[in-house]
Structures are given as structure tokens and as C-alpha cells.
Amino acid sequence: MTPSRPRVLIDMSLHPGALVALEAAADVAPLPRDPAARAEALAAADGLIAYGPPAV
């Protein structure tokens, strides 16, 4: 039995080399914009790469 690959959502642009490396290790998908689809995708994801303002 082959272990499943992690599923990572991305919500920002990545350097092409970084994206290639990430795709070699995980199943990568964009974070959906639709709220219902977004919630479903986040619940099923193992990781998220996003950019936001720093925490205060």
C-alpha cells in the first residue's frame, strides 16, 4: 500500500522552482474563492500556503 501524498492548497504565487519542488512532494491545488468550496477544500487539506498581513 502506497502512503497518500499530502494535499496542499496555495493562495499566492510561488517561485516556479518552489512550485516544482512542492508538486514533487504533495498534491497542490489553488484555494477556491467560493466560500462553500473553500471550506470543503480547507477541511480536506493537509497544509495551506498563503500570504496575509502580520499578526498584531
PDB file of N, CA and C in Angstrom:
ATOM      1  N   MET A   1       0.838  -1.180   0.000  1.00  0.00           N
ATOM      2  CA  MET A   1       0.000   0.000   0.000  1.00  0.00           C
ATOM      3  C   MET A   1       0.883   1.244   0.000  1.00  0.00           C
ATOM      4  N   THR A   2       0.619   2.154  -0.900  1.00  0.00           N
ATOM      5  CA  THR A   2       1.386   3.387  -1.015  1.00  0.00           C
ATOM      6  C   THR A   2       0.764   4.463  -0.128  1.00  0.00           C
ATOM      7  N   PRO A   3       1.569   5.127   0.691  1.00  0.00           N
ATOM      8  CA  PRO A   3       1.004   6.189   1.514  1.00  0.00           C
ATOM      9  C   PRO A   3       0.500   7.334   0.634  1.00  0.00           C
ATOM     10  N   SER A   4      -0.582   7.964   1.062  1.00  0.00           N
ATOM     11  CA  SER A   4      -1.123   9.058   0.267  1.00  0.00           C
ATOM     12  C   SER A   4      -0.227  10.293   0.404  1.00  0.00           C
ATOM     13  N   ARG A   5      -0.229  11.082  -0.651  1.00  0.00           N
ATOM     14  CA  ARG A   5       0.549  12.323  -0.636  1.00  0.00           C
ATOM     15  C   ARG A   5      -0.250  13.403   0.085  1.00  0.00           C
ATOM     16  N   PRO A   6       0.434  14.297   0.772  1.00  0.00           N
ATOM     17  CA  PRO A   6      -0.294  15.391   1.420  1.00  0.00           C
ATOM     18  C   PRO A   6      -0.943  16.294   0.372  1.00  0.00           C
ATOM     19  N   ARG A   7      -2.049  16.895   0.732  1.00  0.00           N
ATOM     20  CA  ARG A   7      -2.744  17.842  -0.149  1.00  0.00           C
ATOM     21  C   ARG A   7      -2.501  19.239   0.405  1.00  0.00           C
ATOM     22  N   VAL A   8      -1.916  20.100  -0.429  1.00  0.00           N
ATOM     23  CA  VAL A   8      -1.569  21.460  -0.015  1.00  0.00           C
ATOM     24  C   VAL A   8      -2.300  22.445  -0.911  1.00  0.00           C
ATOM     25  N   LEU A   9      -2.957  23.400  -0.303  1.00  0.00           N
ATOM     26  CA  LEU A   9      -3.636  24.467  -1.030  1.00  0.00           C
ATOM     27  C   LEU A   9      -2.711  25.681  -1.066  1.00  0.00           C
ATOM     28  N   ILE A  10      -2.746  26.409  -2.169  1.00  0.00           N
ATOM     29  CA  ILE A  10      -1.937  27.623  -2.252  1.00  0.00           C
ATOM     30  C   ILE A  10      -2.843  28.807  -2.574  1.00  0.00           C
ATOM     31  N   ASP A  11      -2.554  29.937  -1.955  1.00  0.00           N
ATOM     32  CA  ASP A  11      -3.334  31.161  -2.153  1.00  0.00           C
ATOM     33  C   ASP A  11      -2.395  32.340  -2.401  1.00  0.00           C
ATOM     34  N   MET A  12      -1.345  32.063  -3.147  1.00  0.00           N
ATOM     35  CA  MET A  12      -0.393  33.108  -3.508  1.00  0.00           C
ATOM     36  C   MET A  12       0.467  32.576  -4.648  1.00  0.00           C
ATOM     37  N   SER A  13       1.145  33.452  -5.331  1.00  0.00           N
ATOM     38  CA  SER A  13       2.045  32.977  -6.377  1.00  0.00           C
ATOM     39  C   SER A  13       3.340  32.500  -5.727  1.00  0.00           C
ATOM     40  N   LEU A  14       3.902  31.454  -6.300  1.00  0.00           N
ATOM     41  CA  LEU A  14       5.151  30.896  -5.809  1.00  0.00           C
ATOM     42  C   LEU A  14       6.204  30.981  -6.901  1.00  0.00           C
ATOM     43  N   HIS A  15       7.457  31.050  -6.500  1.00  0.00           N
ATOM     44  CA  HIS A  15       8.561  30.979  -7.450  1.00  0.00           C
ATOM     45  C   HIS A  15       8.411  29.663  -8.208  1.00  0.00           C
ATOM     46  N   PRO A  16       8.619  29.663  -9.531  1.00  0.00           N
ATOM     47  CA  PRO A  16       8.445  28.428 -10.301  1.00  0.00           C
ATOM     48  C   PRO A  16       9.229  27.241  -9.747  1.00  0.00           C
ATOM     49  N   GLY A  17      10.437  27.468  -9.279  1.00  0.00           N
ATOM     50  CA  GLY A  17      11.235  26.381  -8.714  1.00  0.00           C
ATOM     51  C   GLY A  17      10.632  25.847  -7.425  1.00  0.00           C
ATOM     52  N   ALA A  18      10.073  26.740  -6.619  1.00  0.00           N
ATOM     53  CA  ALA A  18       9.424  26.320  -5.377  1.00  0.00           C
ATOM     54  C   ALA A  18       8.178  25.507  -5.674  1.00  0.00           C
ATOM     55  N   LEU A  19       7.434  25.915  -6.690  1.00  0.00           N
ATOM     56  CA  LEU A  19       6.228  25.175  -7.071  1.00  0.00           C
ATOM     57  C   LEU A  19       6.583  23.778  -7.569  1.00  0.00           C
ATOM     58  N   VAL A  20       7.623  23.656  -8.361  1.00  0.00           N
ATOM     59  CA  VAL A  20       8.066  22.346  -8.849  1.00  0.00           C
ATOM     60  C   VAL A  20       8.451  21.447  -7.675  1.00  0.00           C
ATOM     61  N   ALA A  21       9.192  21.990  -6.720  1.00  0.00           N
ATOM     62  CA  ALA A  21       9.603  21.204  -5.554  1.00  0.00           C
ATOM     63  C   ALA A  21       8.398  20.788  -4.723  1.00  0.00           C
ATOM     64  N   LEU A  22       7.447  21.686  -4.547  1.00  0.00           N
ATOM     65  CA  LEU A  22       6.252  21.370  -3.775  1.00  0.00           C
ATOM     66  C   LEU A  22       5.431  20.296  -4.476  1.00  0.00           C
ATOM     67  N   GLU A  23       5.270  20.425  -5.788  1.00  0.00           N
ATOM     68  CA  GLU A  23       4.494  19.442  -6.545  1.00  0.00           C
ATOM     69  C   GLU A  23       5.151  18.067  -6.556  1.00  0.00           C
ATOM     70  N   ALA A  24       6.455  18.005  -6.367  1.00  0.00           N
ATOM     71  CA  ALA A  24       7.152  16.716  -6.300  1.00  0.00           C
ATOM     72  C   ALA A  24       6.830  15.994  -4.995  1.00  0.00           C
ATOM     73  N   ALA A  25       6.443  16.739  -3.974  1.00  0.00           N
ATOM     74  CA  ALA A  25       6.214  16.146  -2.656  1.00  0.00           C
ATOM     75  C   ALA A  25       4.748  16.091  -2.253  1.00  0.00           C
ATOM     76  N   ALA A  26       3.880  16.838  -2.938  1.00  0.00           N
ATOM     77  CA  ALA A  26       2.486  16.928  -2.495  1.00  0.00           C
ATOM     78  C   ALA A  26       1.563  17.160  -3.681  1.00  0.00           C
ATOM     79  N   ASP A  27       0.289  16.888  -3.454  1.00  0.00           N
ATOM     80  CA  ASP A  27      -0.739  17.267  -4.419  1.00  0.00           C
ATOM     81  C   ASP A  27      -1.089  18.717  -4.125  1.00  0.00           C
ATOM     82  N   VAL A  28      -0.935  19.583  -5.122  1.00  0.00           N
ATOM     83  CA  VAL A  28      -1.088  21.022  -4.942  1.00  0.00           C
ATOM     84  C   VAL A  28      -2.318  21.497  -5.705  1.00  0.00           C
ATOM     85  N   ALA A  29      -3.102  22.370  -5.078  1.00  0.00           N
ATOM     86  CA  ALA A  29      -4.278  22.937  -5.718  1.00  0.00           C
ATOM     87  C   ALA A  29      -4.451  24.377  -5.250  1.00  0.00           C
ATOM     88  N   PRO A  30      -5.060  25.218  -6.090  1.00  0.00           N
ATOM     89  CA  PRO A  30      -5.337  26.580  -5.636  1.00  0.00           C
ATOM     90  C   PRO A  30      -6.470  26.582  -4.613  1.00  0.00           C
ATOM     91  N   LEU A  31      -6.454  27.536  -3.714  1.00  0.00           N
ATOM     92  CA  LEU A  31      -7.525  27.697  -2.737  1.00  0.00           C
ATOM     93  C   LEU A  31      -8.736  28.270  -3.464  1.00  0.00           C
ATOM     94  N   PRO A  32      -9.878  27.573  -3.428  1.00  0.00           N
ATOM     95  CA  PRO A  32     -11.069  28.082  -4.128  1.00  0.00           C
ATOM     96  C   PRO A  32     -11.537  29.419  -3.565  1.00  0.00           C
ATOM     97  N   ARG A  33     -12.173  30.206  -4.379  1.00  0.00           N
ATOM     98  CA  ARG A  33     -12.702  31.513  -3.965  1.00  0.00           C
ATOM     99  C   ARG A  33     -14.122  31.391  -3.403  1.00  0.00           C
ATOM    100  N   ASP A  34     -14.914  30.445  -3.917  1.00  0.00           N
ATOM    101  CA  ASP A  34     -16.279  30.251  -3.438  1.00  0.00           C
ATOM    102  C   ASP A  34     -16.240  29.824  -1.974  1.00  0.00           C
ATOM    103  N   PRO A  35     -16.982  30.489  -1.088  1.00  0.00           N
ATOM    104  CA  PRO A  35     -16.906  30.175   0.342  1.00  0.00           C
ATOM    105  C   PRO A  35     -17.196  28.711   0.691  1.00  0.00           C
ATOM    106  N   ALA A  36     -18.200  28.114   0.090  1.00  0.00           N
ATOM    107  CA  ALA A  36     -18.524  26.718   0.399  1.00  0.00           C
ATOM    108  C   ALA A  36     -17.423  25.782  -0.090  1.00  0.00           C
ATOM    109  N   ALA A  37     -16.952  26.017  -1.310  1.00  0.00           N
ATOM    110  CA  ALA A  37     -15.869  25.187  -1.858  1.00  0.00           C
ATOM    111  C   ALA A  37     -14.591  25.395  -1.062  1.00  0.00           C
ATOM    112  N   ARG A  38     -14.358  26.619  -0.611  1.00  0.00           N
ATOM    113  CA  ARG A  38     -13.168  26.932   0.181  1.00  0.00           C
ATOM    114  C   ARG A  38     -13.193  26.169   1.507  1.00  0.00           C
ATOM    115  N   ALA A  39     -14.321  26.182   2.181  1.00  0.00           N
ATOM    116  CA  ALA A  39     -14.441  25.478   3.456  1.00  0.00           C
ATOM    117  C   ALA A  39     -14.215  23.984   3.267  1.00  0.00           C
ATOM    118  N   GLU A  40     -14.783  23.414   2.223  1.00  0.00           N
ATOM    119  CA  GLU A  40     -14.613  21.986   1.947  1.00  0.00           C
ATOM    120  C   GLU A  40     -13.157  21.659   1.644  1.00  0.00           C
ATOM    121  N   ALA A  41     -12.509  22.487   0.823  1.00  0.00           N
ATOM    122  CA  ALA A  41     -11.107  22.253   0.458  1.00  0.00           C
ATOM    123  C   ALA A  41     -10.199  22.368   1.684  1.00  0.00           C
ATOM    124  N   LEU A  42     -10.446  23.358   2.525  1.00  0.00           N
ATOM    125  CA  LEU A  42      -9.625  23.532   3.729  1.00  0.00           C
ATOM    126  C   LEU A  42      -9.792  22.363   4.696  1.00  0.00           C
ATOM    127  N   ALA A  43     -11.000  21.843   4.795  1.00  0.00           N
ATOM    128  CA  ALA A  43     -11.239  20.717   5.700  1.00  0.00           C
ATOM    129  C   ALA A  43     -10.496  19.468   5.240  1.00  0.00           C
ATOM    130  N   ALA A  44     -10.295  19.327   3.924  1.00  0.00           N
ATOM    131  CA  ALA A  44      -9.644  18.133   3.385  1.00  0.00           C
ATOM    132  C   ALA A  44      -8.133  18.305   3.217  1.00  0.00           C
ATOM    133  N   ALA A  45      -7.623  19.526   3.375  1.00  0.00           N
ATOM    134  CA  ALA A  45      -6.213  19.808   3.115  1.00  0.00           C
ATOM    135  C   ALA A  45      -5.322  19.445   4.299  1.00  0.00           C
ATOM    136  N   ASP A  46      -4.080  19.142   3.963  1.00  0.00           N
ATOM    137  CA  ASP A  46      -3.066  18.899   4.988  1.00  0.00           C
ATOM    138  C   ASP A  46      -2.246  20.155   5.262  1.00  0.00           C
ATOM    139  N   GLY A  47      -2.278  21.106   4.327  1.00  0.00           N
ATOM    140  CA  GLY A  47      -1.500  22.317   4.508  1.00  0.00           C
ATOM    141  C   GLY A  47      -2.030  23.437   3.644  1.00  0.00           C
ATOM    142  N   LEU A  48      -1.633  24.660   3.970  1.00  0.00           N
ATOM    143  CA  LEU A  48      -2.028  25.854   3.245  1.00  0.00           C
ATOM    144  C   LEU A  48      -0.829  26.786   3.175  1.00  0.00           C
ATOM    145  N   ILE A  49      -0.574  27.295   1.981  1.00  0.00           N
ATOM    146  CA  ILE A  49       0.454  28.306   1.802  1.00  0.00           C
ATOM    147  C   ILE A  49      -0.263  29.562   1.343  1.00  0.00           C
ATOM    148  N   ALA A  50      -0.190  30.608   2.160  1.00  0.00           N
ATOM    149  CA  ALA A  50      -0.906  31.842   1.866  1.00  0.00           C
ATOM    150  C   ALA A  50      -0.097  33.016   2.404  1.00  0.00           C
ATOM    151  N   TYR A  51      -0.460  34.182   1.954  1.00  0.00           N
ATOM    152  CA  TYR A  51       0.182  35.397   2.426  1.00  0.00           C
ATOM    153  C   TYR A  51      -0.907  36.271   3.016  1.00  0.00           C
ATOM    154  N   GLY A  52      -0.624  36.870   4.131  1.00  0.00           N
ATOM    155  CA  GLY A  52      -1.574  37.782   4.754  1.00  0.00           C
ATOM    156  C   GLY A  52      -0.822  38.786   5.590  1.00  0.00           C
ATOM    157  N   PRO A  53      -1.548  39.737   6.141  1.00  0.00           N
ATOM    158  CA  PRO A  53      -0.880  40.720   6.992  1.00  0.00           C
ATOM    159  C   PRO A  53      -0.327  40.054   8.246  1.00  0.00           C
ATOM    160  N   PRO A  54       0.735  40.586   8.792  1.00  0.00           N
ATOM    161  CA  PRO A  54       1.302  40.005  10.012  1.00  0.00           C
ATOM    162  C   PRO A  54       0.309  40.095  11.170  1.00  0.00           C
ATOM    163  N   ALA A  55       0.379  39.128  12.058  1.00  0.00           N
ATOM    164  CA  ALA A  55      -0.476  39.143  13.246  1.00  0.00           C
ATOM    165  C   ALA A  55      -0.062  40.290  14.152  1.00  0.00           C
ATOM    166  N   VAL A  56      -1.011  40.916  14.745  1.00  0.00           N
ATOM    167  CA  VAL A  56      -0.734  42.054  15.634  1.00  0.00           C
ATOM    168  C   VAL A  56      -0.739  41.611  17.062  1.00  0.00           C
TER     169      VAL A  56
END
